[in-house]
Amino acid sequence: MTLLDHLAHGARHLPLSGRLLRLMTACTALAVAFFADAIWLTVLASAGAVGIALISSMEMHEAADDCDSFYRDEDGETGFGEAA
């Protein structure tokens, strides 16, 4: 499983409201960066958009890891993991 597949798997486990909130915040930061006249505001908004993207990707990665560990057979006894 590649990193993008892993993040897409984690995105499916995040609530829709959280995904929409992150998307709208990132879009707002990018719009401010694009339309701002001041260089410092553009840099600040761009840094905010990158920070939002990093935090969102870490949350998606953690959600995918939680799902994988839930179904992983830790002891090798049942073949099903905790879900069994």
N, C-alpha and C. Protein backbone atom coordinates (compact mmCIF):
# COMPACT_ATOMS: atom_id res chain seq x y z
N MET A 1 0.85 -1.17 0.00
CA MET A 1 0.00 0.00 0.00
C MET A 1 0.90 1.24 0.00
N THR A 2 0.66 2.09 -0.96
CA THR A 2 1.46 3.32 -1.03
C THR A 2 0.97 4.33 0.00
N LEU A 3 1.73 5.38 0.16
CA LEU A 3 1.37 6.42 1.13
C LEU A 3 0.06 7.09 0.74
N LEU A 4 -0.15 7.34 -0.55
CA LEU A 4 -1.40 7.97 -0.99
C LEU A 4 -2.59 7.05 -0.75
N ASP A 5 -2.43 5.75 -0.97
CA ASP A 5 -3.50 4.81 -0.67
C ASP A 5 -3.80 4.79 0.82
N HIS A 6 -2.74 4.86 1.61
CA HIS A 6 -2.89 4.86 3.07
C HIS A 6 -3.64 6.11 3.53
N LEU A 7 -3.30 7.27 2.96
CA LEU A 7 -3.99 8.51 3.32
C LEU A 7 -5.43 8.51 2.84
N ALA A 8 -5.68 7.95 1.66
CA ALA A 8 -7.06 7.86 1.17
C ALA A 8 -7.88 6.94 2.06
N HIS A 9 -7.27 5.86 2.54
CA HIS A 9 -7.96 4.97 3.47
C HIS A 9 -8.29 5.70 4.77
N GLY A 10 -7.35 6.50 5.26
CA GLY A 10 -7.60 7.27 6.47
C GLY A 10 -8.66 8.34 6.27
N ALA A 11 -8.72 8.92 5.07
CA ALA A 11 -9.72 9.95 4.79
C ALA A 11 -11.13 9.38 4.86
N ARG A 12 -11.27 8.11 4.52
CA ARG A 12 -12.60 7.49 4.61
C ARG A 12 -13.06 7.33 6.04
N HIS A 13 -12.13 7.35 7.00
CA HIS A 13 -12.49 7.16 8.41
C HIS A 13 -12.68 8.48 9.15
N LEU A 14 -12.40 9.60 8.51
CA LEU A 14 -12.63 10.90 9.15
C LEU A 14 -14.08 11.31 8.93
N PRO A 15 -14.68 11.99 9.90
CA PRO A 15 -16.05 12.46 9.71
C PRO A 15 -16.13 13.50 8.59
N LEU A 16 -17.26 13.52 7.91
CA LEU A 16 -17.45 14.44 6.79
C LEU A 16 -17.33 15.89 7.23
N SER A 17 -17.84 16.22 8.40
CA SER A 17 -17.76 17.61 8.87
C SER A 17 -16.31 18.03 9.06
N GLY A 18 -15.48 17.15 9.56
CA GLY A 18 -14.06 17.46 9.73
C GLY A 18 -13.35 17.66 8.40
N ARG A 19 -13.68 16.81 7.44
CA ARG A 19 -13.07 16.94 6.11
C ARG A 19 -13.48 18.26 5.45
N LEU A 20 -14.76 18.61 5.55
CA LEU A 20 -15.23 19.86 4.95
C LEU A 20 -14.63 21.08 5.63
N LEU A 21 -14.51 21.04 6.95
CA LEU A 21 -13.92 22.16 7.68
C LEU A 21 -12.47 22.37 7.27
N ARG A 22 -11.71 21.29 7.16
CA ARG A 22 -10.31 21.41 6.74
C ARG A 22 -10.19 21.91 5.31
N LEU A 23 -11.06 21.42 4.44
CA LEU A 23 -11.03 21.84 3.05
C LEU A 23 -11.36 23.32 2.91
N MET A 24 -12.39 23.78 3.61
CA MET A 24 -12.77 25.19 3.52
C MET A 24 -11.70 26.10 4.13
N THR A 25 -11.07 25.67 5.21
CA THR A 25 -10.00 26.47 5.81
C THR A 25 -8.81 26.57 4.87
N ALA A 26 -8.45 25.45 4.24
CA ALA A 26 -7.33 25.47 3.30
C ALA A 26 -7.66 26.34 2.08
N CYS A 27 -8.88 26.25 1.59
CA CYS A 27 -9.29 27.08 0.44
C CYS A 27 -9.27 28.56 0.79
N THR A 28 -9.71 28.90 1.99
CA THR A 28 -9.68 30.29 2.42
C THR A 28 -8.25 30.81 2.51
N ALA A 29 -7.36 29.99 3.08
CA ALA A 29 -5.96 30.40 3.18
C ALA A 29 -5.34 30.57 1.80
N LEU A 30 -5.65 29.68 0.88
CA LEU A 30 -5.11 29.81 -0.47
C LEU A 30 -5.69 31.03 -1.20
N ALA A 31 -6.97 31.32 -0.97
CA ALA A 31 -7.58 32.51 -1.59
C ALA A 31 -6.94 33.78 -1.05
N VAL A 32 -6.70 33.83 0.25
CA VAL A 32 -6.05 35.00 0.83
C VAL A 32 -4.64 35.14 0.26
N ALA A 33 -3.93 34.01 0.14
CA ALA A 33 -2.57 34.06 -0.41
C ALA A 33 -2.57 34.54 -1.86
N PHE A 34 -3.58 34.18 -2.61
CA PHE A 34 -3.63 34.54 -4.02
C PHE A 34 -4.03 36.00 -4.23
N PHE A 35 -4.98 36.49 -3.44
CA PHE A 35 -5.53 37.82 -3.67
C PHE A 35 -4.94 38.90 -2.77
N ALA A 36 -4.06 38.56 -1.86
CA ALA A 36 -3.51 39.56 -0.94
C ALA A 36 -2.51 40.46 -1.66
N ASP A 37 -2.53 41.73 -1.27
CA ASP A 37 -1.59 42.68 -1.86
C ASP A 37 -0.27 42.72 -1.10
N ALA A 38 -0.31 42.38 0.18
CA ALA A 38 0.89 42.44 1.00
C ALA A 38 1.64 41.10 0.94
N ILE A 39 2.94 41.18 0.77
CA ILE A 39 3.77 39.98 0.67
C ILE A 39 3.73 39.19 1.98
N TRP A 40 3.78 39.88 3.12
CA TRP A 40 3.81 39.17 4.40
C TRP A 40 2.51 38.40 4.62
N LEU A 41 1.38 38.95 4.16
CA LEU A 41 0.10 38.26 4.30
C LEU A 41 0.05 37.04 3.39
N THR A 42 0.62 37.15 2.21
CA THR A 42 0.68 36.01 1.29
C THR A 42 1.51 34.89 1.88
N VAL A 43 2.66 35.23 2.45
CA VAL A 43 3.53 34.22 3.06
C VAL A 43 2.84 33.58 4.26
N LEU A 44 2.19 34.37 5.08
CA LEU A 44 1.49 33.85 6.25
C LEU A 44 0.34 32.92 5.86
N ALA A 45 -0.45 33.31 4.88
CA ALA A 45 -1.57 32.48 4.44
C ALA A 45 -1.07 31.20 3.76
N SER A 46 0.01 31.28 3.01
CA SER A 46 0.57 30.09 2.38
C SER A 46 1.10 29.12 3.42
N ALA A 47 1.76 29.65 4.43
CA ALA A 47 2.24 28.80 5.52
C ALA A 47 1.08 28.15 6.26
N GLY A 48 0.00 28.89 6.43
CA GLY A 48 -1.19 28.31 7.07
C GLY A 48 -1.79 27.19 6.25
N ALA A 49 -1.84 27.36 4.95
CA ALA A 49 -2.39 26.31 4.08
C ALA A 49 -1.53 25.05 4.12
N VAL A 50 -0.21 25.24 4.14
CA VAL A 50 0.69 24.09 4.23
C VAL A 50 0.54 23.40 5.58
N GLY A 51 0.42 24.18 6.64
CA GLY A 51 0.22 23.61 7.97
C GLY A 51 -1.08 22.82 8.07
N ILE A 52 -2.14 23.34 7.48
CA ILE A 52 -3.42 22.63 7.48
C ILE A 52 -3.29 21.32 6.72
N ALA A 53 -2.60 21.34 5.59
CA ALA A 53 -2.42 20.12 4.80
C ALA A 53 -1.61 19.09 5.58
N LEU A 54 -0.57 19.51 6.28
CA LEU A 54 0.24 18.57 7.06
C LEU A 54 -0.55 17.96 8.21
N ILE A 55 -1.29 18.80 8.93
CA ILE A 55 -2.09 18.29 10.05
C ILE A 55 -3.16 17.33 9.55
N SER A 56 -3.81 17.67 8.45
CA SER A 56 -4.84 16.79 7.90
C SER A 56 -4.25 15.46 7.46
N SER A 57 -3.08 15.49 6.83
CA SER A 57 -2.47 14.23 6.38
C SER A 57 -2.04 13.39 7.57
N MET A 58 -1.57 14.02 8.66
CA MET A 58 -1.22 13.25 9.85
C MET A 58 -2.46 12.61 10.47
N GLU A 59 -3.58 13.34 10.49
CA GLU A 59 -4.82 12.78 11.04
C GLU A 59 -5.33 11.63 10.18
N MET A 60 -5.23 11.76 8.86
CA MET A 60 -5.66 10.66 7.98
C MET A 60 -4.76 9.45 8.14
N HIS A 61 -3.46 9.67 8.30
CA HIS A 61 -2.51 8.58 8.52
C HIS A 61 -2.82 7.86 9.83
N GLU A 62 -3.11 8.62 10.88
CA GLU A 62 -3.43 8.03 12.17
C GLU A 62 -4.75 7.26 12.12
N ALA A 63 -5.74 7.77 11.40
CA ALA A 63 -7.01 7.06 11.27
C ALA A 63 -6.83 5.75 10.52
N ALA A 64 -6.00 5.74 9.50
CA ALA A 64 -5.73 4.50 8.76
C ALA A 64 -4.97 3.51 9.62
N ASP A 65 -4.01 3.98 10.42
CA ASP A 65 -3.27 3.09 11.31
C ASP A 65 -4.19 2.49 12.37
N ASP A 66 -5.11 3.30 12.91
CA ASP A 66 -6.06 2.77 13.89
C ASP A 66 -6.92 1.68 13.28
N CYS A 67 -7.38 1.89 12.06
CA CYS A 67 -8.20 0.88 11.39
C CYS A 67 -7.39 -0.39 11.12
N ASP A 68 -6.15 -0.23 10.65
CA ASP A 68 -5.31 -1.39 10.36
C ASP A 68 -4.99 -2.17 11.62
N SER A 69 -4.71 -1.47 12.72
CA SER A 69 -4.38 -2.18 13.96
C SER A 69 -5.61 -2.86 14.54
N PHE A 70 -6.79 -2.34 14.26
CA PHE A 70 -8.01 -2.97 14.75
C PHE A 70 -8.23 -4.32 14.08
N TYR A 71 -7.90 -4.42 12.81
CA TYR A 71 -8.12 -5.66 12.07
C TYR A 71 -6.88 -6.54 11.98
N ARG A 72 -5.75 -6.10 12.49
CA ARG A 72 -4.52 -6.89 12.42
C ARG A 72 -4.54 -7.97 13.50
N ASP A 73 -4.06 -9.13 13.16
CA ASP A 73 -3.98 -10.24 14.11
C ASP A 73 -2.66 -10.12 14.86
N GLU A 74 -2.71 -9.55 16.06
CA GLU A 74 -1.49 -9.28 16.82
C GLU A 74 -0.82 -10.57 17.30
N ASP A 75 -1.60 -11.53 17.77
CA ASP A 75 -1.04 -12.73 18.37
C ASP A 75 -0.88 -13.87 17.38
N GLY A 76 -1.52 -13.80 16.25
CA GLY A 76 -1.43 -14.87 15.27
C GLY A 76 -2.29 -16.06 15.64
N GLU A 77 -3.27 -15.88 16.51
CA GLU A 77 -4.06 -17.01 16.98
C GLU A 77 -5.35 -17.19 16.17
N THR A 78 -6.09 -16.12 15.99
CA THR A 78 -7.41 -16.25 15.37
C THR A 78 -7.39 -15.98 13.87
N GLY A 79 -6.48 -15.14 13.42
CA GLY A 79 -6.46 -14.76 12.02
C GLY A 79 -7.38 -13.60 11.71
N PHE A 80 -8.06 -13.08 12.73
CA PHE A 80 -9.01 -12.00 12.49
C PHE A 80 -8.65 -10.70 13.21
N GLY A 81 -7.86 -10.73 14.25
CA GLY A 81 -7.54 -9.52 15.00
C GLY A 81 -8.61 -9.19 16.02
N GLU A 82 -8.63 -7.94 16.47
CA GLU A 82 -9.54 -7.53 17.53
C GLU A 82 -11.00 -7.55 17.09
N ALA A 83 -11.25 -7.42 15.80
CA ALA A 83 -12.63 -7.37 15.33
C ALA A 83 -13.35 -8.69 15.56
N ALA A 84 -12.60 -9.78 15.67
CA ALA A 84 -13.24 -11.08 15.91
C ALA A 84 -13.66 -11.14 17.35
